[in-house]
């Protein structure tokens, strides 16, 4: 995928990969540590890590025989920025909903009197 945003969104489409990202937000972890909560083989977890690495969401270091993984958060900021572009739309929609609900409450009170 040429588009980095699409690559990031595609990588995060899988719940296992999102759980791995959440775990790495707490700090570096080895593949075994990342695999522990999942009922899947180490090679399957490694495939998920490769997808996350290709999307630029994680990086692997080297510490003796260990290759700890760490979160690379920059692509997540790109997603937040993209989603943030739609904030005015949602805020305007909620404002219209608030106005409508206020109108309904006023009508209910006037019907009771």
Foldseek 3Di string as FASTA:
>chain_A
DPDLLVLVVVLVPDPLLVVLLVVQVVHWDFLCVSCVVDPDDSVVSVVSVVSCVVSVQWAWPDDPPTTIIHGDCVSVVVVVVVVVVCVVVVVVVVVVVVVVVVVVVVVVVVVVD
